[in-house]
Amino acid sequence: MTLTLGGAATPPAGESFVDRLDRIPLNSFHWRLLVIAGIGWMFDAMDVLLIGFLLGPITREFALDPTRTGLVASAGFVGMFLGAAISGRLADRYGRRVVFSATLVVFSVGAVLSAAAPTYETLLLARVLAGLGLGGELPVAATLVSEFSPRAQRGRMIVLLESFWAYGTILAGIIAITVVSAYGWRWAFVVGALPALYAAYLRTALPESPRYLAERGDAAEADAVVRRVERAGGGAMLTLARAVAPPRAGRARIADLFAPRYVRRTVMLWILWFGITLTYYGIFLYVPSLLVARGLTDVRSNEFFFLSTIAQVPGYFSAAWLVERWGRKPTLIAYLLGSAASAFLFGNSGTGTDTFIYASFLSFFNLGAWGVVYSLSPELYPTAIRATGAGVAAAVGRIGGIIGPFLTPVLVPSLGQTGVFAMFMALLVLTALAVFALAEETKGRSLEEIAGPVAA
């Protein structure tokens, strides 16, 4: 017998609480989860992009040569590689919620230590620590939001989560223009660290993922969390029927990422993550310095870059609309090809209005593509290895993040900006071809339907 109060319909017999979770309309719980996850995402983005503005003053203070300057830019990505690889596995073993909060604390500590670093070597270690938190934060946050979102809006919710990266990028530009010029590079790190700690505190009030709880065999608690989400949407206040749990995948290993059912997905994700991460950091960390090399002043190039990044916001929102209308695969391919064309045009432009337009298109398409990448990554694996799969793919991408900051300054003297951006265009086209050949569509399907059993 089922008694339902509060206006919700009686669920069909045999329907699991995960099925109910997929049917709940977006409500205050989902939006609160999105904002709390997004605030941390925003400060992570701010920290990453600030390095592009801070390399100049850091280089001057510590009297660095080009190689050691490149290490400052890449140190954070070393930490991001480790964080992404480790945190996904931890989230599958100990829960999304605890890792979701801990990574933001680790990032904040790294940012504070970056601000206080007395030596170049200390700064490198601090950047690795900040990257450790950042790399662990992003795939776990995407996994948690994905597991709570209704199937019809799941892709859109993750793209909207990733849109907080744009707000962090804009915030980085504002800080570069205001705080850095008035108080120096150290205070720029402090500005991001303290609010991020508050965001970590807010996360402690969020519940664990019902899918993770069900996989661990805690059906009663998982059902209670689902009912909490239902109540936020005006649903059932009391259900007397026994909680019906979804089938459990069982014990899973990292090697399962290469099981016959998942090997094609894993290869596709690794190529996608590597290609988009290398090109993103190879381009966006150096846009201000590349504009200076074309003849703009430091202040003018920073303003130019800041204004062009505003185009990220409509890029995300358009992708969020298309990802549930066209689907993940066609949207991602279109935005990768748009990024490739924009990169080529930017590399062949000067310092006038055309450069601003092409840089804006690059921001629009590239960050829209990033939103779809984060949407797709946690959808392709079962609950037992979902965060692991997303985290390892992100870790492979961070190898590109380590290479990218070295690649641009090394190749520009020999290839010129035109040649380097033609190379980035080619890499983005190859990444789009890999998605075309290997990716499958996930729009409108439940996570359980997409993934299937580990043993398959």
Protein backbone atom coordinates (compact mmCIF):
# COMPACT_ATOMS: atom_id res chain seq x y z
CA MET A 1 0.00 0.00 0.00
CA THR A 2 1.18 3.49 -0.83
CA LEU A 3 -0.08 6.63 0.89
CA THR A 4 0.98 9.84 -0.80
CA LEU A 5 0.45 13.30 0.58
CA GLY A 6 1.31 16.66 -0.93
CA GLY A 7 -0.05 16.25 -4.44
CA ALA A 8 2.26 13.63 -5.94
CA ALA A 9 0.87 10.77 -7.97
CA THR A 10 1.32 7.22 -6.72
CA PRO A 11 4.42 5.76 -8.41
CA PRO A 12 3.87 2.70 -10.63
CA ALA A 13 4.40 -0.66 -8.94
CA GLY A 14 7.99 -1.80 -9.17
CA GLU A 15 9.29 1.65 -10.07
CA SER A 16 12.64 2.28 -8.38
CA PHE A 17 13.41 5.50 -6.56
CA VAL A 18 16.00 6.24 -9.25
CA ASP A 19 13.20 6.13 -11.84
CA ARG A 20 11.28 8.58 -9.68
CA LEU A 21 14.35 10.81 -9.45
CA ASP A 22 14.53 10.92 -13.25
CA ARG A 23 10.91 12.11 -13.46
CA ILE A 24 11.01 14.89 -10.86
CA PRO A 25 10.67 18.31 -12.55
CA LEU A 26 13.46 20.80 -11.92
CA ASN A 27 12.80 22.50 -8.61
CA SER A 28 14.49 24.49 -5.84
CA PHE A 29 16.64 21.54 -4.79
CA HIS A 30 18.18 21.18 -8.26
CA TRP A 31 18.82 24.91 -8.61
CA ARG A 32 20.40 25.12 -5.15
CA LEU A 33 22.66 22.19 -5.98
CA LEU A 34 23.60 23.83 -9.27
CA VAL A 35 24.47 27.17 -7.65
CA ILE A 36 26.46 25.67 -4.76
CA ALA A 37 28.42 23.47 -7.16
CA GLY A 38 28.77 26.34 -9.61
CA ILE A 39 30.21 28.81 -7.09
CA GLY A 40 33.14 26.49 -6.46
CA TRP A 41 33.48 25.98 -10.21
CA MET A 42 33.59 29.75 -10.69
CA PHE A 43 36.44 30.29 -8.24
CA ASP A 44 38.34 27.38 -9.75
CA ALA A 45 38.08 29.02 -13.17
CA MET A 46 39.15 32.34 -11.75
CA ASP A 47 42.29 30.77 -10.29
CA VAL A 48 43.25 29.01 -13.53
CA LEU A 49 42.73 32.02 -15.76
CA LEU A 50 44.40 34.45 -13.37
CA ILE A 51 47.72 32.75 -14.05
CA GLY A 52 47.64 34.17 -17.56
CA PHE A 53 47.46 37.67 -16.07
CA LEU A 54 49.90 37.03 -13.21
CA LEU A 55 52.79 35.43 -15.08
CA GLY A 56 54.24 38.84 -15.90
CA PRO A 57 54.49 40.21 -12.35
CA ILE A 58 55.50 36.78 -10.95
CA THR A 59 58.29 36.54 -13.51
CA ARG A 60 59.56 39.99 -12.60
CA GLU A 61 59.43 39.41 -8.82
CA PHE A 62 61.30 36.10 -8.92
CA ALA A 63 63.50 37.00 -11.94
CA LEU A 64 62.45 33.91 -13.89
CA ASP A 65 63.66 32.73 -17.27
CA PRO A 66 61.10 31.51 -19.86
CA THR A 67 61.44 27.86 -18.80
CA ARG A 68 60.74 28.54 -15.14
CA THR A 69 57.87 30.84 -16.11
CA GLY A 70 56.37 27.96 -18.07
CA LEU A 71 56.70 25.74 -14.99
CA VAL A 72 54.59 28.20 -12.98
CA ALA A 73 51.86 27.96 -15.61
CA SER A 74 52.07 24.16 -15.77
CA ALA A 75 52.43 23.37 -12.05
CA GLY A 76 48.72 23.74 -11.47
CA PHE A 77 48.00 21.30 -14.29
CA VAL A 78 50.27 18.70 -12.73
CA GLY A 79 48.10 18.95 -9.62
CA MET A 80 44.95 18.86 -11.76
CA PHE A 81 46.15 15.65 -13.40
CA LEU A 82 46.68 14.00 -10.03
CA GLY A 83 43.47 15.41 -8.54
CA ALA A 84 41.28 14.25 -11.41
CA ALA A 85 42.79 10.77 -11.43
CA ILE A 86 42.54 10.29 -7.67
CA SER A 87 39.29 12.04 -6.75
CA GLY A 88 37.09 10.10 -9.14
CA ARG A 89 38.18 6.82 -7.61
CA LEU A 90 37.74 8.22 -4.10
CA ALA A 91 34.24 9.45 -4.98
CA ASP A 92 33.25 5.98 -6.21
CA ARG A 93 34.62 4.39 -3.05
CA TYR A 94 33.76 6.86 -0.27
CA GLY A 95 30.98 8.97 -1.77
CA ARG A 96 30.52 11.99 -4.01
CA ARG A 97 29.56 14.35 -1.17
CA VAL A 98 32.69 14.09 0.97
CA VAL A 99 35.06 14.44 -1.99
CA PHE A 100 32.89 17.23 -3.43
CA SER A 101 33.52 19.31 -0.29
CA ALA A 102 37.13 18.28 0.42
CA THR A 103 38.48 19.20 -3.01
CA LEU A 104 37.35 22.80 -2.63
CA VAL A 105 39.09 23.04 0.76
CA VAL A 106 42.32 21.69 -0.77
CA PHE A 107 42.07 24.21 -3.61
CA SER A 108 41.54 27.10 -1.17
CA VAL A 109 44.55 26.11 0.94
CA GLY A 110 46.68 25.95 -2.21
CA ALA A 111 45.48 29.39 -3.30
CA VAL A 112 46.32 30.93 0.12
CA LEU A 113 49.77 29.34 0.07
CA SER A 114 50.28 30.70 -3.44
CA ALA A 115 49.59 34.19 -2.14
CA ALA A 116 52.05 33.77 0.73
CA ALA A 117 54.81 31.94 -1.20
CA PRO A 118 58.21 33.43 -0.22
CA THR A 119 60.18 31.64 -2.95
CA TYR A 120 59.73 30.37 -6.48
CA GLU A 121 59.94 26.75 -5.31
CA THR A 122 57.26 27.31 -2.66
CA LEU A 123 55.02 28.89 -5.27
CA LEU A 124 55.37 25.83 -7.51
CA LEU A 125 54.36 23.50 -4.68
CA ALA A 126 51.41 25.74 -3.80
CA ARG A 127 50.22 25.73 -7.41
CA VAL A 128 50.38 21.93 -7.49
CA LEU A 129 48.27 21.79 -4.31
CA ALA A 130 45.70 24.22 -5.71
CA GLY A 131 45.58 22.18 -8.90
CA LEU A 132 45.06 19.01 -6.88
CA GLY A 133 41.85 20.45 -5.46
CA LEU A 134 40.75 21.94 -8.77
CA GLY A 135 41.37 18.76 -10.75
CA GLY A 136 39.44 16.74 -8.21
CA GLU A 137 36.60 19.23 -7.97
CA LEU A 138 35.37 19.37 -11.54
CA PRO A 139 34.63 15.72 -12.50
CA VAL A 140 33.15 14.92 -9.08
CA ALA A 141 30.88 17.99 -9.15
CA ALA A 142 29.71 17.10 -12.67
CA THR A 143 29.04 13.51 -11.55
CA LEU A 144 26.99 14.59 -8.51
CA VAL A 145 24.85 17.09 -10.44
CA SER A 146 24.37 14.56 -13.24
CA GLU A 147 23.17 11.88 -10.82
CA PHE A 148 20.57 14.21 -9.28
CA SER A 149 19.25 15.74 -12.52
CA PRO A 150 16.12 14.45 -14.28
CA ARG A 151 16.93 12.68 -17.52
CA ALA A 152 15.19 15.23 -19.73
CA GLN A 153 17.26 18.10 -18.31
CA ARG A 154 20.51 16.34 -17.33
CA GLY A 155 22.64 17.60 -20.21
CA ARG A 156 21.31 21.13 -19.83
CA MET A 157 22.05 21.17 -16.10
CA ILE A 158 25.68 20.14 -16.61
CA VAL A 159 26.23 22.72 -19.34
CA LEU A 160 24.75 25.35 -17.01
CA LEU A 161 27.11 24.13 -14.28
CA GLU A 162 30.04 24.52 -16.63
CA SER A 163 28.78 28.03 -17.50
CA PHE A 164 30.07 29.14 -14.09
CA TRP A 165 33.51 28.82 -15.67
CA ALA A 166 32.62 31.86 -17.78
CA TYR A 167 31.73 33.86 -14.69
CA GLY A 168 35.06 32.85 -13.14
CA THR A 169 36.88 33.91 -16.29
CA ILE A 170 35.17 37.29 -16.24
CA LEU A 171 35.95 37.62 -12.54
CA ALA A 172 39.61 36.86 -13.30
CA GLY A 173 39.64 39.71 -15.80
CA ILE A 174 38.07 42.11 -13.31
CA ILE A 175 40.61 41.16 -10.64
CA ALA A 176 43.48 41.53 -13.11
CA ILE A 177 42.34 45.02 -14.04
CA THR A 178 41.56 46.17 -10.47
CA VAL A 179 43.14 44.14 -7.64
CA VAL A 180 46.40 43.21 -9.38
CA SER A 181 47.10 46.72 -10.61
CA ALA A 182 46.41 48.22 -7.17
CA TYR A 183 47.65 45.59 -4.71
CA GLY A 184 49.84 43.14 -6.61
CA TRP A 185 49.57 39.53 -7.74
CA ARG A 186 49.47 37.94 -4.27
CA TRP A 187 46.14 39.48 -3.32
CA ALA A 188 44.59 38.08 -6.48
CA PHE A 189 44.94 34.56 -5.04
CA VAL A 190 43.49 35.60 -1.69
CA VAL A 191 40.37 37.06 -3.32
CA GLY A 192 39.47 33.64 -4.70
CA ALA A 193 40.53 31.46 -1.79
CA LEU A 194 38.32 32.81 1.01
CA PRO A 195 34.94 32.77 -0.80
CA ALA A 196 35.74 29.27 -2.07
CA LEU A 197 36.12 28.11 1.55
CA TYR A 198 32.64 29.45 2.27
CA ALA A 199 31.30 27.55 -0.74
CA ALA A 200 32.88 24.38 0.71
CA TYR A 201 30.99 25.01 3.95
CA LEU A 202 27.68 25.35 2.06
CA ARG A 203 28.29 21.98 0.41
CA THR A 204 28.22 20.17 3.73
CA ALA A 205 24.42 20.61 3.82
CA LEU A 206 23.91 18.73 0.54
CA PRO A 207 22.87 15.05 0.63
CA GLU A 208 24.74 12.13 -0.88
CA SER A 209 23.80 10.95 -4.37
CA PRO A 210 20.92 8.44 -4.21
CA ARG A 211 22.52 6.47 -7.02
CA TYR A 212 25.74 6.10 -5.04
CA LEU A 213 23.80 5.12 -1.91
CA ALA A 214 21.81 2.54 -3.85
CA GLU A 215 24.98 1.06 -5.32
CA ARG A 216 26.37 0.76 -1.79
CA GLY A 217 23.22 -1.11 -0.72
CA ASP A 218 21.69 1.69 1.38
CA ALA A 219 18.28 1.72 -0.28
CA ALA A 220 16.43 3.29 2.66
CA GLU A 221 18.67 6.35 2.83
CA ALA A 222 18.68 6.68 -0.97
CA ASP A 223 14.88 6.63 -1.02
CA ALA A 224 14.80 9.27 1.75
CA VAL A 225 17.02 11.57 -0.35
CA VAL A 226 14.77 11.10 -3.39
CA ARG A 227 11.73 11.96 -1.27
CA ARG A 228 13.55 15.11 -0.13
CA VAL A 229 13.96 16.13 -3.77
CA GLU A 230 10.31 15.26 -4.45
CA ARG A 231 9.14 17.42 -1.54
CA ALA A 232 11.14 20.37 -2.93
CA GLY A 233 9.04 20.02 -6.07
CA GLY A 234 5.73 19.73 -4.21
CA GLY A 235 5.72 15.94 -4.32
CA ALA A 236 5.12 13.16 -1.82
CA MET A 237 5.31 14.01 1.86
CA LEU A 238 4.91 10.40 2.97
CA THR A 239 5.30 7.09 1.13
CA LEU A 240 4.47 3.84 2.92
CA ALA A 241 5.49 1.49 0.10
CA ARG A 242 8.79 -0.36 0.36
CA ALA A 243 11.63 1.44 -1.39
CA VAL A 244 12.44 -0.26 -4.69
CA ALA A 245 16.16 -0.05 -5.49
CA PRO A 246 17.64 -0.21 -9.00
CA PRO A 247 19.88 -3.17 -9.92
CA ARG A 248 23.39 -2.86 -8.50
CA ALA A 249 26.40 -3.08 -10.78
CA GLY A 250 28.58 -4.73 -8.15
CA ARG A 251 32.27 -4.33 -7.46
CA ALA A 252 34.06 -2.44 -10.21
CA ARG A 253 37.71 -1.81 -11.07
CA ILE A 254 39.48 0.84 -13.11
CA ALA A 255 40.17 -1.89 -15.67
CA ASP A 256 36.41 -2.01 -16.33
CA LEU A 257 36.80 1.25 -18.26
CA PHE A 258 38.26 -0.98 -20.99
CA ALA A 259 35.64 -3.70 -20.79
CA PRO A 260 34.15 -4.46 -24.23
CA ARG A 261 31.04 -2.40 -23.49
CA TYR A 262 33.02 0.71 -22.52
CA VAL A 263 36.34 0.64 -24.38
CA ARG A 264 35.04 2.66 -27.34
CA ARG A 265 33.55 5.27 -25.01
CA THR A 266 36.79 5.48 -23.02
CA VAL A 267 38.95 5.95 -26.11
CA MET A 268 36.61 8.64 -27.42
CA LEU A 269 36.56 10.49 -24.09
CA TRP A 270 40.34 10.40 -23.73
CA ILE A 271 40.88 11.81 -27.23
CA LEU A 272 38.21 14.45 -26.62
CA TRP A 273 39.59 15.53 -23.26
CA PHE A 274 43.19 15.65 -24.46
CA GLY A 275 42.38 17.61 -27.61
CA ILE A 276 40.09 20.22 -26.06
CA THR A 277 42.27 20.74 -22.96
CA LEU A 278 45.55 21.17 -24.85
CA THR A 279 44.04 23.67 -27.28
CA TYR A 280 42.14 25.58 -24.59
CA TYR A 281 45.14 26.20 -22.36
CA GLY A 282 47.53 26.60 -25.27
CA ILE A 283 45.34 29.41 -26.53
CA PHE A 284 43.61 31.15 -23.63
CA LEU A 285 46.50 31.37 -21.19
CA TYR A 286 48.50 33.28 -23.79
CA VAL A 287 45.95 35.49 -25.55
CA PRO A 288 46.96 38.58 -23.48
CA SER A 289 50.70 38.07 -24.12
CA LEU A 290 50.10 37.27 -27.79
CA LEU A 291 48.20 40.54 -28.17
CA VAL A 292 51.09 42.38 -26.49
CA ALA A 293 53.42 40.81 -29.05
CA ARG A 294 51.18 42.25 -31.77
CA GLY A 295 51.70 45.73 -30.37
CA LEU A 296 49.04 46.30 -27.70
CA THR A 297 49.95 47.50 -24.20
CA ASP A 298 49.59 45.15 -21.20
CA VAL A 299 46.54 47.02 -19.93
CA ARG A 300 44.91 47.18 -23.35
CA SER A 301 45.51 43.48 -24.07
CA ASN A 302 44.00 42.50 -20.70
CA GLU A 303 40.94 44.66 -21.37
CA PHE A 304 40.67 43.20 -24.88
CA PHE A 305 40.83 39.63 -23.56
CA PHE A 306 38.36 40.37 -20.76
CA LEU A 307 35.76 41.78 -23.16
CA SER A 308 36.09 38.84 -25.56
CA THR A 309 35.52 36.33 -22.75
CA ILE A 310 32.02 37.74 -22.18
CA ALA A 311 31.07 35.76 -25.31
CA GLN A 312 31.50 32.60 -23.25
CA VAL A 313 28.18 33.24 -21.52
CA PRO A 314 25.97 33.02 -24.66
CA GLY A 315 28.21 30.15 -25.81
CA TYR A 316 27.25 28.14 -22.74
CA PHE A 317 23.58 29.06 -22.83
CA SER A 318 23.22 28.22 -26.52
CA ALA A 319 24.92 24.85 -25.93
CA ALA A 320 22.66 24.23 -22.92
CA TRP A 321 19.64 24.72 -25.18
CA LEU A 322 20.98 22.66 -28.09
CA VAL A 323 22.28 19.76 -26.02
CA GLU A 324 18.71 18.66 -25.21
CA ARG A 325 17.34 19.66 -28.62
CA TRP A 326 20.01 18.45 -31.08
CA GLY A 327 21.71 16.06 -28.70
CA ARG A 328 25.20 15.83 -27.20
CA LYS A 329 27.01 14.50 -30.26
CA PRO A 330 25.92 16.98 -32.97
CA THR A 331 26.20 19.94 -30.60
CA LEU A 332 29.71 18.96 -29.55
CA ILE A 333 30.88 18.43 -33.14
CA ALA A 334 29.44 21.77 -34.25
CA TYR A 335 31.08 23.69 -31.41
CA LEU A 336 34.46 21.98 -31.88
CA LEU A 337 34.44 22.88 -35.58
CA GLY A 338 33.36 26.42 -34.71
CA SER A 339 36.32 26.61 -32.31
CA ALA A 340 38.67 25.37 -35.05
CA ALA A 341 37.51 27.99 -37.55
CA SER A 342 37.70 30.76 -34.94
CA ALA A 343 41.23 29.73 -33.92
CA PHE A 344 42.43 29.93 -37.52
CA LEU A 345 40.82 33.34 -38.06
CA PHE A 346 42.24 34.70 -34.79
CA GLY A 347 45.72 33.51 -35.71
CA ASN A 348 45.53 35.38 -39.01
CA SER A 349 44.15 38.65 -37.58
CA GLY A 350 45.89 41.75 -36.26
CA THR A 351 44.89 44.06 -33.40
CA GLY A 352 41.72 45.64 -34.76
CA THR A 353 38.02 44.93 -34.57
CA ASP A 354 38.40 41.69 -36.52
CA THR A 355 40.65 40.27 -33.81
CA PHE A 356 38.11 41.08 -31.11
CA ILE A 357 35.35 39.41 -33.15
CA TYR A 358 37.37 36.25 -33.78
CA ALA A 359 38.48 36.04 -30.14
CA SER A 360 34.84 36.36 -29.10
CA PHE A 361 33.81 33.58 -31.49
CA LEU A 362 36.63 31.45 -30.07
CA SER A 363 35.33 32.00 -26.54
CA PHE A 364 31.75 31.33 -27.66
CA PHE A 365 32.38 28.00 -29.39
CA ASN A 366 35.21 26.62 -27.27
CA LEU A 367 33.49 27.08 -23.92
CA GLY A 368 30.19 25.86 -25.31
CA ALA A 369 32.01 22.68 -26.35
CA TRP A 370 33.47 22.36 -22.84
CA GLY A 371 29.95 22.34 -21.42
CA VAL A 372 29.00 19.37 -23.59
CA VAL A 373 32.24 17.54 -22.66
CA TYR A 374 31.34 17.73 -18.97
CA SER A 375 27.76 16.72 -19.75
CA LEU A 376 28.81 13.63 -21.69
CA SER A 377 31.66 12.38 -19.47
CA PRO A 378 29.73 11.03 -16.44
CA GLU A 379 26.90 9.65 -18.57
CA LEU A 380 28.90 6.85 -20.18
CA TYR A 381 29.66 4.60 -17.20
CA PRO A 382 27.65 2.81 -14.48
CA THR A 383 27.40 4.27 -10.98
CA ALA A 384 30.15 2.03 -9.58
CA ILE A 385 32.78 3.57 -11.88
CA ARG A 386 31.05 6.78 -13.04
CA ALA A 387 33.25 9.25 -11.15
CA THR A 388 36.33 7.13 -11.89
CA GLY A 389 35.63 7.18 -15.62
CA ALA A 390 34.99 10.91 -15.67
CA GLY A 391 38.01 11.60 -13.45
CA VAL A 392 40.48 9.48 -15.43
CA ALA A 393 39.30 11.07 -18.69
CA ALA A 394 39.83 14.51 -17.13
CA ALA A 395 43.29 13.39 -15.96
CA VAL A 396 44.21 12.44 -19.52
CA GLY A 397 43.02 15.88 -20.55
CA ARG A 398 45.26 17.49 -17.94
CA ILE A 399 48.26 16.00 -19.73
CA GLY A 400 47.23 18.31 -22.55
CA GLY A 401 46.92 21.08 -19.97
CA ILE A 402 50.53 20.48 -18.93
CA ILE A 403 51.76 20.48 -22.54
CA GLY A 404 49.71 23.46 -23.74
CA PRO A 405 51.38 26.21 -21.66
CA PHE A 406 54.79 25.07 -22.94
CA LEU A 407 53.72 24.56 -26.53
CA THR A 408 52.64 28.08 -27.44
CA PRO A 409 55.72 30.07 -26.29
CA VAL A 410 58.06 27.41 -27.73
CA LEU A 411 56.43 27.23 -31.17
CA VAL A 412 55.49 30.88 -31.77
CA PRO A 413 59.12 31.96 -32.48
CA SER A 414 59.48 29.31 -35.19
CA LEU A 415 55.94 28.96 -36.60
CA GLY A 416 54.58 32.41 -35.80
CA GLN A 417 51.15 33.00 -34.35
CA THR A 418 49.54 32.07 -37.69
CA GLY A 419 51.24 28.67 -37.77
CA VAL A 420 50.52 27.87 -34.13
CA PHE A 421 46.82 28.68 -34.47
CA ALA A 422 46.65 26.63 -37.67
CA MET A 423 48.01 23.73 -35.60
CA PHE A 424 45.33 24.32 -32.96
CA MET A 425 42.70 24.34 -35.71
CA ALA A 426 43.94 20.97 -36.98
CA LEU A 427 43.87 19.46 -33.48
CA LEU A 428 40.30 20.63 -32.93
CA VAL A 429 39.19 19.20 -36.29
CA LEU A 430 40.79 15.84 -35.43
CA THR A 431 39.02 15.89 -32.05
CA ALA A 432 35.69 16.55 -33.78
CA LEU A 433 36.34 13.64 -36.16
CA ALA A 434 36.99 11.32 -33.20
CA VAL A 435 33.65 12.35 -31.65
CA PHE A 436 31.90 11.80 -34.98
CA ALA A 437 33.37 8.32 -35.40
CA LEU A 438 33.23 7.02 -31.83
CA ALA A 439 30.62 8.88 -29.74
CA GLU A 440 27.05 7.71 -29.19
CA GLU A 441 24.01 9.83 -28.41
CA THR A 442 22.77 9.90 -24.81
CA LYS A 443 20.01 12.52 -25.00
CA GLY A 444 16.78 11.54 -23.24
CA ARG A 445 18.13 8.27 -21.80
CA SER A 446 18.52 7.44 -18.12
CA LEU A 447 22.02 6.93 -16.73
CA GLU A 448 21.20 3.28 -16.06
CA GLU A 449 19.94 2.76 -19.62
CA ILE A 450 23.08 4.34 -21.12
CA ALA A 451 25.59 2.53 -18.94
CA GLY A 452 24.20 -0.96 -18.55
CA PRO A 453 25.86 -3.51 -16.24
CA VAL A 454 29.61 -3.52 -15.70
CA ALA A 455 29.75 -7.19 -16.58
CA ALA A 456 28.22 -6.66 -20.02
